[in-house]
Amino acid sequence: MVMPDFTYVRPDTLTDACALAARLGRDGAFIAGGTELIPDFHRARESARHLIALDHLAELRGIAADGDGLCIGALTTVAEVAASPLVRARFVALADAARAIGSAQIRSLATIGGNFCRAVSCADTPPAAIAGEARVRLAGVSGTRELAAEAFFLGARRTALAPGEVMVAITLPAQPASSGTSYQRFSRRKGAALAVAAVAARVTLAGGRIAGARIVLGAVSPAPLLVTLASAMLVNERPSATLFAGAAEQCADEALPITDVRGSADFRRELVRVLARRALDEAAARAAEWRS
């Protein structure tokens, strides 16, 4: 499809950007890296006729410590997230997920905010962030608000963003002591390929048993899926291959995969079984090595 005509606007402030977006409604779209938005124009999935640039707004960039947690500006590129020593030290699964996205060229342009806000079901960073109890900070004409990352996603390409709202940052709280995280994914080829299935996990240990767990599935449901039953069945149990295999089977049962050109629903369920075991193994091993 030929790229449609559009206007490109660079508001002076975030407040101006939100006001313009609220006024334009569906005719306006925010743009930063554009690695999802521009292809969506070519695929006729995007109909906005006014692009509102955000890339010059410095307050939306950067990675900072937030107590013992993290605050990542929405315009931070996924390359910056992947390479950040702070992210790797405090929540390595998110860095691993960011590293899995596209090619080096794509990662240098794509932003973590775009990876969330385009709400593509196979996006890599949302499952990892949800496993760490991330929150999404939004700003709009009515002020600012925060919500849990899992509540931000309403379905395929649907989010909780109101008209005129923009993502400002993603925050991750301090992770519980003796916690480990992991992000595992499968794609048809090693480089620049979309995930066919993905699993993020956080495991917290205490006294040789699992004190808490969060498992999140990606690319096997319309939105990132926090699998509560599989997560709950691990609590108060000792880590073992048998336990993790049972949890992986439950993950496959909770998944909602579809059949498409990248894989059948049955294939995706089998991938979930394998990836969940790997994610739990790695998260538990990292938890056992945890140092304050």
C-alpha atoms as a PDB file:
ATOM      1  CA  MET A   1       0.000   0.000   0.000  1.00  0.00           C
ATOM      2  CA  VAL A   2       1.192   3.528  -0.803  1.00  0.00           C
ATOM      3  CA  MET A   3       1.865   5.651   2.269  1.00  0.00           C
ATOM      4  CA  PRO A   4      -1.061   8.083   2.723  1.00  0.00           C
ATOM      5  CA  ASP A   5      -0.584  11.826   3.045  1.00  0.00           C
ATOM      6  CA  PHE A   6      -0.266  13.117   6.600  1.00  0.00           C
ATOM      7  CA  THR A   7       0.864  16.174   8.529  1.00  0.00           C
ATOM      8  CA  TYR A   8       3.798  15.978  10.945  1.00  0.00           C
ATOM      9  CA  VAL A   9       3.606  18.159  14.054  1.00  0.00           C
ATOM     10  CA  ARG A  10       6.230  18.731  16.775  1.00  0.00           C
ATOM     11  CA  PRO A  11       4.484  20.280  19.802  1.00  0.00           C
ATOM     12  CA  ASP A  12       6.678  22.350  22.120  1.00  0.00           C
ATOM     13  CA  THR A  13       5.594  20.532  25.287  1.00  0.00           C
ATOM     14  CA  LEU A  14       4.030  17.301  26.455  1.00  0.00           C
ATOM     15  CA  THR A  15       0.969  19.275  27.542  1.00  0.00           C
ATOM     16  CA  ASP A  16       0.596  20.675  24.028  1.00  0.00           C
ATOM     17  CA  ALA A  17       1.025  17.198  22.540  1.00  0.00           C
ATOM     18  CA  CYS A  18      -1.725  15.742  24.720  1.00  0.00           C
ATOM     19  CA  ALA A  19      -4.088  18.627  23.976  1.00  0.00           C
ATOM     20  CA  LEU A  20      -3.534  18.231  20.238  1.00  0.00           C
ATOM     21  CA  ALA A  21      -4.058  14.467  20.397  1.00  0.00           C
ATOM     22  CA  ALA A  22      -7.285  14.921  22.362  1.00  0.00           C
ATOM     23  CA  ARG A  23      -8.548  17.391  19.765  1.00  0.00           C
ATOM     24  CA  LEU A  24      -7.644  15.194  16.790  1.00  0.00           C
ATOM     25  CA  GLY A  25      -8.979  11.941  18.214  1.00  0.00           C
ATOM     26  CA  ARG A  26      -8.556   9.043  15.757  1.00  0.00           C
ATOM     27  CA  ASP A  27      -7.096  11.428  13.184  1.00  0.00           C
ATOM     28  CA  GLY A  28      -3.970  11.854  15.324  1.00  0.00           C
ATOM     29  CA  ALA A  29      -1.262   9.419  16.397  1.00  0.00           C
ATOM     30  CA  PHE A  30       1.864   9.855  18.487  1.00  0.00           C
ATOM     31  CA  ILE A  31       5.144   8.919  16.831  1.00  0.00           C
ATOM     32  CA  ALA A  32       8.611   8.390  18.279  1.00  0.00           C
ATOM     33  CA  GLY A  33      10.672   5.583  16.726  1.00  0.00           C
ATOM     34  CA  GLY A  34       7.902   4.687  14.280  1.00  0.00           C
ATOM     35  CA  THR A  35       9.045   1.083  13.836  1.00  0.00           C
ATOM     36  CA  GLU A  36       5.502  -0.238  14.376  1.00  0.00           C
ATOM     37  CA  LEU A  37       3.455   2.792  13.376  1.00  0.00           C
ATOM     38  CA  ILE A  38       4.895   3.291   9.883  1.00  0.00           C
ATOM     39  CA  PRO A  39       4.496  -0.379   8.867  1.00  0.00           C
ATOM     40  CA  ASP A  40       0.928  -0.183  10.175  1.00  0.00           C
ATOM     41  CA  PHE A  41       0.226   2.570   7.638  1.00  0.00           C
ATOM     42  CA  HIS A  42       1.477   0.312   4.852  1.00  0.00           C
ATOM     43  CA  ARG A  43      -0.709  -2.539   6.136  1.00  0.00           C
ATOM     44  CA  ALA A  44      -3.767  -0.240   6.346  1.00  0.00           C
ATOM     45  CA  ARG A  45      -3.980  -0.826  10.102  1.00  0.00           C
ATOM     46  CA  GLU A  46      -3.472   2.855  10.898  1.00  0.00           C
ATOM     47  CA  SER A  47      -5.665   5.649   9.559  1.00  0.00           C
ATOM     48  CA  ALA A  48      -4.366   8.745  11.390  1.00  0.00           C
ATOM     49  CA  ARG A  49      -3.709  11.752   9.171  1.00  0.00           C
ATOM     50  CA  HIS A  50      -1.717  13.792  11.698  1.00  0.00           C
ATOM     51  CA  LEU A  51       1.459  12.454  13.339  1.00  0.00           C
ATOM     52  CA  ILE A  52       2.371  14.064  16.653  1.00  0.00           C
ATOM     53  CA  ALA A  53       6.118  13.810  17.245  1.00  0.00           C
ATOM     54  CA  LEU A  54       7.385  13.095  20.741  1.00  0.00           C
ATOM     55  CA  ASP A  55      11.027  12.258  20.056  1.00  0.00           C
ATOM     56  CA  HIS A  56      12.267  15.737  21.034  1.00  0.00           C
ATOM     57  CA  LEU A  57      10.708  15.657  24.537  1.00  0.00           C
ATOM     58  CA  ALA A  58      13.666  14.917  26.797  1.00  0.00           C
ATOM     59  CA  GLU A  59      11.513  14.328  29.881  1.00  0.00           C
ATOM     60  CA  LEU A  60      10.226  11.114  28.311  1.00  0.00           C
ATOM     61  CA  ARG A  61      13.712   9.611  27.957  1.00  0.00           C
ATOM     62  CA  GLY A  62      16.121   7.872  30.279  1.00  0.00           C
ATOM     63  CA  ILE A  63      16.597   5.084  32.790  1.00  0.00           C
ATOM     64  CA  ALA A  64      16.865   5.974  36.462  1.00  0.00           C
ATOM     65  CA  ALA A  65      16.888   4.286  39.833  1.00  0.00           C
ATOM     66  CA  ASP A  66      13.594   4.725  41.666  1.00  0.00           C
ATOM     67  CA  GLY A  67      14.554   3.704  45.184  1.00  0.00           C
ATOM     68  CA  ASP A  68      15.605   0.102  44.615  1.00  0.00           C
ATOM     69  CA  GLY A  69      13.351  -0.074  41.572  1.00  0.00           C
ATOM     70  CA  LEU A  70      13.500   1.406  38.086  1.00  0.00           C
ATOM     71  CA  CYS A  71      11.873   4.197  36.118  1.00  0.00           C
ATOM     72  CA  ILE A  72      12.212   3.931  32.344  1.00  0.00           C
ATOM     73  CA  GLY A  73      11.037   6.821  30.201  1.00  0.00           C
ATOM     74  CA  ALA A  74       8.665   5.870  27.408  1.00  0.00           C
ATOM     75  CA  LEU A  75      10.996   7.237  24.703  1.00  0.00           C
ATOM     76  CA  THR A  76      13.956   5.179  25.898  1.00  0.00           C
ATOM     77  CA  THR A  77      15.002   2.940  23.028  1.00  0.00           C
ATOM     78  CA  VAL A  78      14.925  -0.801  23.489  1.00  0.00           C
ATOM     79  CA  ALA A  79      18.643  -0.813  22.634  1.00  0.00           C
ATOM     80  CA  GLU A  80      19.234   1.408  25.665  1.00  0.00           C
ATOM     81  CA  VAL A  81      17.113  -0.878  27.846  1.00  0.00           C
ATOM     82  CA  ALA A  82      18.985  -3.956  26.619  1.00  0.00           C
ATOM     83  CA  ALA A  83      22.397  -2.404  27.287  1.00  0.00           C
ATOM     84  CA  SER A  84      21.626  -0.690  30.601  1.00  0.00           C
ATOM     85  CA  PRO A  85      23.741  -2.006  33.517  1.00  0.00           C
ATOM     86  CA  LEU A  86      21.020  -0.756  35.875  1.00  0.00           C
ATOM     87  CA  VAL A  87      18.287  -2.739  34.123  1.00  0.00           C
ATOM     88  CA  ARG A  88      20.481  -5.830  33.919  1.00  0.00           C
ATOM     89  CA  ALA A  89      21.308  -5.583  37.618  1.00  0.00           C
ATOM     90  CA  ARG A  90      17.761  -4.974  38.837  1.00  0.00           C
ATOM     91  CA  PHE A  91      15.561  -6.777  36.306  1.00  0.00           C
ATOM     92  CA  VAL A  92      17.558  -8.796  33.825  1.00  0.00           C
ATOM     93  CA  ALA A  93      14.514 -10.370  32.138  1.00  0.00           C
ATOM     94  CA  LEU A  94      13.484  -6.968  30.775  1.00  0.00           C
ATOM     95  CA  ALA A  95      16.946  -6.406  29.313  1.00  0.00           C
ATOM     96  CA  ASP A  96      16.831  -9.872  27.752  1.00  0.00           C
ATOM     97  CA  ALA A  97      13.392  -9.163  26.282  1.00  0.00           C
ATOM     98  CA  ALA A  98      14.565  -5.855  24.829  1.00  0.00           C
ATOM     99  CA  ARG A  99      17.586  -7.558  23.291  1.00  0.00           C
ATOM    100  CA  ALA A 100      15.266 -10.031  21.523  1.00  0.00           C
ATOM    101  CA  ILE A 101      13.489  -7.321  19.529  1.00  0.00           C
ATOM    102  CA  GLY A 102      14.205  -7.065  15.816  1.00  0.00           C
ATOM    103  CA  SER A 103      17.602  -6.128  14.436  1.00  0.00           C
ATOM    104  CA  ALA A 104      20.189  -3.746  15.870  1.00  0.00           C
ATOM    105  CA  GLN A 105      18.846  -1.038  13.563  1.00  0.00           C
ATOM    106  CA  ILE A 106      15.281  -1.546  14.788  1.00  0.00           C
ATOM    107  CA  ARG A 107      16.366  -1.612  18.446  1.00  0.00           C
ATOM    108  CA  SER A 108      18.168   1.704  18.022  1.00  0.00           C
ATOM    109  CA  LEU A 109      14.901   3.362  16.927  1.00  0.00           C
ATOM    110  CA  ALA A 110      12.120   1.426  18.666  1.00  0.00           C
ATOM    111  CA  THR A 111      11.057   2.758  22.053  1.00  0.00           C
ATOM    112  CA  ILE A 112       9.790   0.828  25.026  1.00  0.00           C
ATOM    113  CA  GLY A 113       6.725   3.065  25.026  1.00  0.00           C
ATOM    114  CA  GLY A 114       5.975   2.116  21.443  1.00  0.00           C
ATOM    115  CA  ASN A 115       6.473  -1.564  22.241  1.00  0.00           C
ATOM    116  CA  PHE A 116       3.720  -1.153  24.832  1.00  0.00           C
ATOM    117  CA  CYS A 117       1.378   1.301  23.132  1.00  0.00           C
ATOM    118  CA  ARG A 118       1.085  -0.433  19.763  1.00  0.00           C
ATOM    119  CA  ALA A 119      -0.107  -3.443  21.814  1.00  0.00           C
ATOM    120  CA  VAL A 120       1.033  -6.093  19.348  1.00  0.00           C
ATOM    121  CA  SER A 121       0.346  -9.504  20.885  1.00  0.00           C
ATOM    122  CA  CYS A 122       3.885 -10.759  20.192  1.00  0.00           C
ATOM    123  CA  ALA A 123       5.656  -7.722  21.720  1.00  0.00           C
ATOM    124  CA  ASP A 124       8.605  -8.800  23.858  1.00  0.00           C
ATOM    125  CA  THR A 125       8.979  -6.259  26.670  1.00  0.00           C
ATOM    126  CA  PRO A 126       5.409  -6.287  28.086  1.00  0.00           C
ATOM    127  CA  PRO A 127       5.448  -9.909  29.394  1.00  0.00           C
ATOM    128  CA  ALA A 128       8.802  -9.362  31.099  1.00  0.00           C
ATOM    129  CA  ALA A 129       7.651  -6.091  32.658  1.00  0.00           C
ATOM    130  CA  ILE A 130       4.402  -7.634  33.902  1.00  0.00           C
ATOM    131  CA  ALA A 131       6.344 -10.472  35.532  1.00  0.00           C
ATOM    132  CA  GLY A 132       8.120  -7.806  37.590  1.00  0.00           C
ATOM    133  CA  GLU A 133       4.875  -6.039  38.627  1.00  0.00           C
ATOM    134  CA  ALA A 134       5.584  -3.029  36.423  1.00  0.00           C
ATOM    135  CA  ARG A 135       3.284  -0.053  36.389  1.00  0.00           C
ATOM    136  CA  VAL A 136       2.541   2.255  33.471  1.00  0.00           C
ATOM    137  CA  ARG A 137       2.540   6.014  34.039  1.00  0.00           C
ATOM    138  CA  LEU A 138       0.247   7.993  31.730  1.00  0.00           C
ATOM    139  CA  ALA A 139      -0.283  11.712  31.151  1.00  0.00           C
ATOM    140  CA  GLY A 140      -3.147  13.472  29.412  1.00  0.00           C
ATOM    141  CA  VAL A 141      -5.335  16.526  29.356  1.00  0.00           C
ATOM    142  CA  SER A 142      -6.926  15.438  32.649  1.00  0.00           C
ATOM    143  CA  GLY A 143      -3.615  14.934  34.466  1.00  0.00           C
ATOM    144  CA  THR A 144      -1.529  11.884  35.257  1.00  0.00           C
ATOM    145  CA  ARG A 145      -2.386   8.386  36.413  1.00  0.00           C
ATOM    146  CA  GLU A 146      -0.774   4.994  36.908  1.00  0.00           C
ATOM    147  CA  LEU A 147      -2.034   1.470  36.447  1.00  0.00           C
ATOM    148  CA  ALA A 148      -0.617  -2.035  36.624  1.00  0.00           C
ATOM    149  CA  ALA A 149       1.004  -3.055  33.353  1.00  0.00           C
ATOM    150  CA  GLU A 150      -1.298  -6.069  32.988  1.00  0.00           C
ATOM    151  CA  ALA A 151      -4.315  -3.729  33.187  1.00  0.00           C
ATOM    152  CA  PHE A 152      -2.912  -1.520  30.422  1.00  0.00           C
ATOM    153  CA  PHE A 153      -3.538  -4.156  27.750  1.00  0.00           C
ATOM    154  CA  LEU A 154      -7.189  -4.713  26.829  1.00  0.00           C
ATOM    155  CA  GLY A 155      -6.715  -6.983  23.815  1.00  0.00           C
ATOM    156  CA  ALA A 156      -4.966  -7.168  20.467  1.00  0.00           C
ATOM    157  CA  ARG A 157      -3.870  -3.609  19.602  1.00  0.00           C
ATOM    158  CA  ARG A 158      -6.107  -2.247  22.361  1.00  0.00           C
ATOM    159  CA  THR A 159      -4.912  -0.421  25.476  1.00  0.00           C
ATOM    160  CA  ALA A 160      -6.314   1.586  28.365  1.00  0.00           C
ATOM    161  CA  LEU A 161      -5.024   4.846  26.863  1.00  0.00           C
ATOM    162  CA  ALA A 162      -7.756   7.485  26.803  1.00  0.00           C
ATOM    163  CA  PRO A 163      -7.977  10.038  23.962  1.00  0.00           C
ATOM    164  CA  GLY A 164      -5.122  12.499  24.363  1.00  0.00           C
ATOM    165  CA  GLU A 165      -3.170  10.297  26.777  1.00  0.00           C
ATOM    166  CA  VAL A 166       0.441   9.316  26.276  1.00  0.00           C
ATOM    167  CA  MET A 167       2.686   6.908  28.128  1.00  0.00           C
ATOM    168  CA  VAL A 168       5.263   8.782  30.170  1.00  0.00           C
ATOM    169  CA  ALA A 169       7.195   5.951  31.812  1.00  0.00           C
ATOM    170  CA  ILE A 170       7.256   2.380  32.990  1.00  0.00           C
ATOM    171  CA  THR A 171       8.181   1.818  36.620  1.00  0.00           C
ATOM    172  CA  LEU A 172       9.351  -1.388  38.251  1.00  0.00           C
ATOM    173  CA  PRO A 173       9.306  -1.743  42.030  1.00  0.00           C
ATOM    174  CA  ALA A 174      12.189  -3.171  44.008  1.00  0.00           C
ATOM    175  CA  GLN A 175      12.056  -6.913  43.440  1.00  0.00           C
ATOM    176  CA  PRO A 176      11.601  -9.169  46.484  1.00  0.00           C
ATOM    177  CA  ALA A 177      14.753 -10.540  48.081  1.00  0.00           C
ATOM    178  CA  SER A 178      15.965 -13.851  46.639  1.00  0.00           C
ATOM    179  CA  SER A 179      14.111 -13.318  43.368  1.00  0.00           C
ATOM    180  CA  GLY A 180      15.199 -14.318  39.894  1.00  0.00           C
ATOM    181  CA  THR A 181      13.689 -13.521  36.518  1.00  0.00           C
ATOM    182  CA  SER A 182      13.842 -14.966  33.021  1.00  0.00           C
ATOM    183  CA  TYR A 183      12.493 -14.271  29.543  1.00  0.00           C
ATOM    184  CA  GLN A 184      12.337 -17.072  26.992  1.00  0.00           C
ATOM    185  CA  ARG A 185      10.979 -16.877  23.448  1.00  0.00           C
ATOM    186  CA  PHE A 186      10.882 -18.826  20.213  1.00  0.00           C
ATOM    187  CA  SER A 187      10.989 -17.364  16.723  1.00  0.00           C
ATOM    188  CA  ARG A 188      11.265 -18.933  13.286  1.00  0.00           C
ATOM    189  CA  ARG A 189      14.754 -17.534  12.790  1.00  0.00           C
ATOM    190  CA  LYS A 190      17.357 -16.072  15.113  1.00  0.00           C
ATOM    191  CA  GLY A 191      17.448 -12.474  13.925  1.00  0.00           C
ATOM    192  CA  ALA A 192      14.727  -9.859  13.430  1.00  0.00           C
ATOM    193  CA  ALA A 193      11.842 -12.314  13.781  1.00  0.00           C
ATOM    194  CA  LEU A 194       8.627 -11.979  15.757  1.00  0.00           C
ATOM    195  CA  ALA A 195       8.041 -14.283  18.700  1.00  0.00           C
ATOM    196  CA  VAL A 196       5.850 -17.294  17.984  1.00  0.00           C
ATOM    197  CA  ALA A 197       5.552 -17.835  21.737  1.00  0.00           C
ATOM    198  CA  ALA A 198       7.239 -16.341  24.796  1.00  0.00           C
ATOM    199  CA  VAL A 199       7.271 -16.819  28.566  1.00  0.00           C
ATOM    200  CA  ALA A 200       8.497 -14.465  31.291  1.00  0.00           C
ATOM    201  CA  ALA A 201       8.842 -15.614  34.888  1.00  0.00           C
ATOM    202  CA  ARG A 202       9.813 -14.329  38.303  1.00  0.00           C
ATOM    203  CA  VAL A 203      10.509 -16.788  41.115  1.00  0.00           C
ATOM    204  CA  THR A 204      11.100 -15.783  44.742  1.00  0.00           C
ATOM    205  CA  LEU A 205      12.702 -18.242  47.162  1.00  0.00           C
ATOM    206  CA  ALA A 206      12.597 -18.426  50.963  1.00  0.00           C
ATOM    207  CA  GLY A 207      13.915 -21.295  53.054  1.00  0.00           C
ATOM    208  CA  GLY A 208      14.402 -23.511  50.028  1.00  0.00           C
ATOM    209  CA  ARG A 209      10.795 -23.128  48.900  1.00  0.00           C
ATOM    210  CA  ILE A 210       9.073 -20.886  46.390  1.00  0.00           C
ATOM    211  CA  ALA A 211       7.582 -17.940  48.264  1.00  0.00           C
ATOM    212  CA  GLY A 212       6.091 -16.298  45.183  1.00  0.00           C
ATOM    213  CA  ALA A 213       5.922 -16.628  41.418  1.00  0.00           C
ATOM    214  CA  ARG A 214       4.623 -14.693  38.432  1.00  0.00           C
ATOM    215  CA  ILE A 215       4.451 -16.265  34.984  1.00  0.00           C
ATOM    216  CA  VAL A 216       3.405 -14.245  31.936  1.00  0.00           C
ATOM    217  CA  LEU A 217       2.799 -15.585  28.433  1.00  0.00           C
ATOM    218  CA  GLY A 218       3.405 -13.646  25.236  1.00  0.00           C
ATOM    219  CA  ALA A 219       2.268 -14.200  21.628  1.00  0.00           C
ATOM    220  CA  VAL A 220      -0.222 -16.898  22.661  1.00  0.00           C
ATOM    221  CA  SER A 221      -3.185 -14.672  23.548  1.00  0.00           C
ATOM    222  CA  PRO A 222      -4.550 -11.326  22.329  1.00  0.00           C
ATOM    223  CA  ALA A 223      -2.594  -9.538  25.085  1.00  0.00           C
ATOM    224  CA  PRO A 224       0.145 -10.522  27.547  1.00  0.00           C
ATOM    225  CA  LEU A 225      -1.361 -13.159  29.819  1.00  0.00           C
ATOM    226  CA  LEU A 226      -0.547 -13.403  33.536  1.00  0.00           C
ATOM    227  CA  VAL A 227      -1.264 -17.072  34.224  1.00  0.00           C
ATOM    228  CA  THR A 228      -2.521 -17.053  37.785  1.00  0.00           C
ATOM    229  CA  LEU A 229      -3.227 -20.756  38.261  1.00  0.00           C
ATOM    230  CA  ALA A 230       0.188 -21.848  37.030  1.00  0.00           C
ATOM    231  CA  SER A 231       1.855 -19.190  39.181  1.00  0.00           C
ATOM    232  CA  ALA A 232      -0.108 -20.145  42.296  1.00  0.00           C
ATOM    233  CA  MET A 233       0.649 -23.858  42.060  1.00  0.00           C
ATOM    234  CA  LEU A 234       4.353 -23.150  42.642  1.00  0.00           C
ATOM    235  CA  VAL A 235       3.965 -21.359  45.971  1.00  0.00           C
ATOM    236  CA  ASN A 236       5.236 -23.179  49.080  1.00  0.00           C
ATOM    237  CA  GLU A 237       6.753 -25.929  46.927  1.00  0.00           C
ATOM    238  CA  ARG A 238      10.408 -26.844  46.538  1.00  0.00           C
ATOM    239  CA  PRO A 239      11.799 -26.145  43.073  1.00  0.00           C
ATOM    240  CA  SER A 240      12.089 -29.301  40.997  1.00  0.00           C
ATOM    241  CA  ALA A 241      11.889 -30.460  37.406  1.00  0.00           C
ATOM    242  CA  THR A 242       8.628 -32.249  38.175  1.00  0.00           C
ATOM    243  CA  LEU A 243       7.085 -29.141  39.726  1.00  0.00           C
ATOM    244  CA  PHE A 244       8.113 -26.932  36.830  1.00  0.00           C
ATOM    245  CA  ALA A 245       6.855 -29.449  34.267  1.00  0.00           C
ATOM    246  CA  GLY A 246       3.459 -29.431  35.969  1.00  0.00           C
ATOM    247  CA  ALA A 247       3.378 -25.635  36.009  1.00  0.00           C
ATOM    248  CA  ALA A 248       4.380 -25.568  32.346  1.00  0.00           C
ATOM    249  CA  GLU A 249       1.496 -27.886  31.510  1.00  0.00           C
ATOM    250  CA  GLN A 250      -0.858 -25.548  33.357  1.00  0.00           C
ATOM    251  CA  CYS A 251       0.579 -22.615  31.390  1.00  0.00           C
ATOM    252  CA  ALA A 252      -0.267 -24.430  28.170  1.00  0.00           C
ATOM    253  CA  ASP A 253      -3.805 -25.002  29.441  1.00  0.00           C
ATOM    254  CA  GLU A 254      -4.232 -21.290  30.261  1.00  0.00           C
ATOM    255  CA  ALA A 255      -2.807 -20.077  26.933  1.00  0.00           C
ATOM    256  CA  LEU A 256      -5.173 -18.789  24.236  1.00  0.00           C
ATOM    257  CA  PRO A 257      -3.170 -19.332  21.046  1.00  0.00           C
ATOM    258  CA  ILE A 258      -4.341 -18.903  17.487  1.00  0.00           C
ATOM    259  CA  THR A 259      -3.185 -20.492  14.246  1.00  0.00           C
ATOM    260  CA  ASP A 260      -1.506 -18.103  11.808  1.00  0.00           C
ATOM    261  CA  VAL A 261       1.348 -18.053   9.305  1.00  0.00           C
ATOM    262  CA  ARG A 262       3.942 -18.303  12.085  1.00  0.00           C
ATOM    263  CA  GLY A 263       2.538 -21.407  13.752  1.00  0.00           C
ATOM    264  CA  SER A 264      -0.500 -23.451  14.689  1.00  0.00           C
ATOM    265  CA  ALA A 265      -2.296 -23.204  18.014  1.00  0.00           C
ATOM    266  CA  ASP A 266      -1.089 -26.701  18.949  1.00  0.00           C
ATOM    267  CA  PHE A 267       2.505 -25.797  18.092  1.00  0.00           C
ATOM    268  CA  ARG A 268       2.270 -22.685  20.242  1.00  0.00           C
ATOM    269  CA  ARG A 269       0.928 -24.684  23.204  1.00  0.00           C
ATOM    270  CA  GLU A 270       3.873 -27.064  22.915  1.00  0.00           C
ATOM    271  CA  LEU A 271       6.226 -24.091  22.786  1.00  0.00           C
ATOM    272  CA  VAL A 272       4.660 -22.735  25.973  1.00  0.00           C
ATOM    273  CA  ARG A 273       5.369 -26.043  27.716  1.00  0.00           C
ATOM    274  CA  VAL A 274       9.029 -25.911  26.720  1.00  0.00           C
ATOM    275  CA  LEU A 275       9.574 -22.194  27.280  1.00  0.00           C
ATOM    276  CA  ALA A 276       7.818 -22.173  30.657  1.00  0.00           C
ATOM    277  CA  ARG A 277      10.091 -24.935  31.949  1.00  0.00           C
ATOM    278  CA  ARG A 278      13.144 -23.052  30.730  1.00  0.00           C
ATOM    279  CA  ALA A 279      11.967 -19.752  32.211  1.00  0.00           C
ATOM    280  CA  LEU A 280      11.195 -21.291  35.594  1.00  0.00           C
ATOM    281  CA  ASP A 281      14.510 -23.166  35.666  1.00  0.00           C
ATOM    282  CA  GLU A 282      16.480 -20.021  34.913  1.00  0.00           C
ATOM    283  CA  ALA A 283      14.462 -17.772  37.235  1.00  0.00           C
ATOM    284  CA  ALA A 284      14.858 -20.234  40.129  1.00  0.00           C
ATOM    285  CA  ALA A 285      18.599 -20.577  39.474  1.00  0.00           C
ATOM    286  CA  ARG A 286      18.994 -16.804  39.450  1.00  0.00           C
ATOM    287  CA  ALA A 287      16.957 -16.532  42.647  1.00  0.00           C
ATOM    288  CA  ALA A 288      19.288 -19.024  44.339  1.00  0.00           C
ATOM    289  CA  GLU A 289      22.248 -16.822  43.345  1.00  0.00           C
ATOM    290  CA  TRP A 290      20.574 -13.584  44.485  1.00  0.00           C
ATOM    291  CA  ARG A 291      22.716 -11.033  46.302  1.00  0.00           C
ATOM    292  CA  SER A 292      21.392  -7.857  47.911  1.00  0.00           C
END
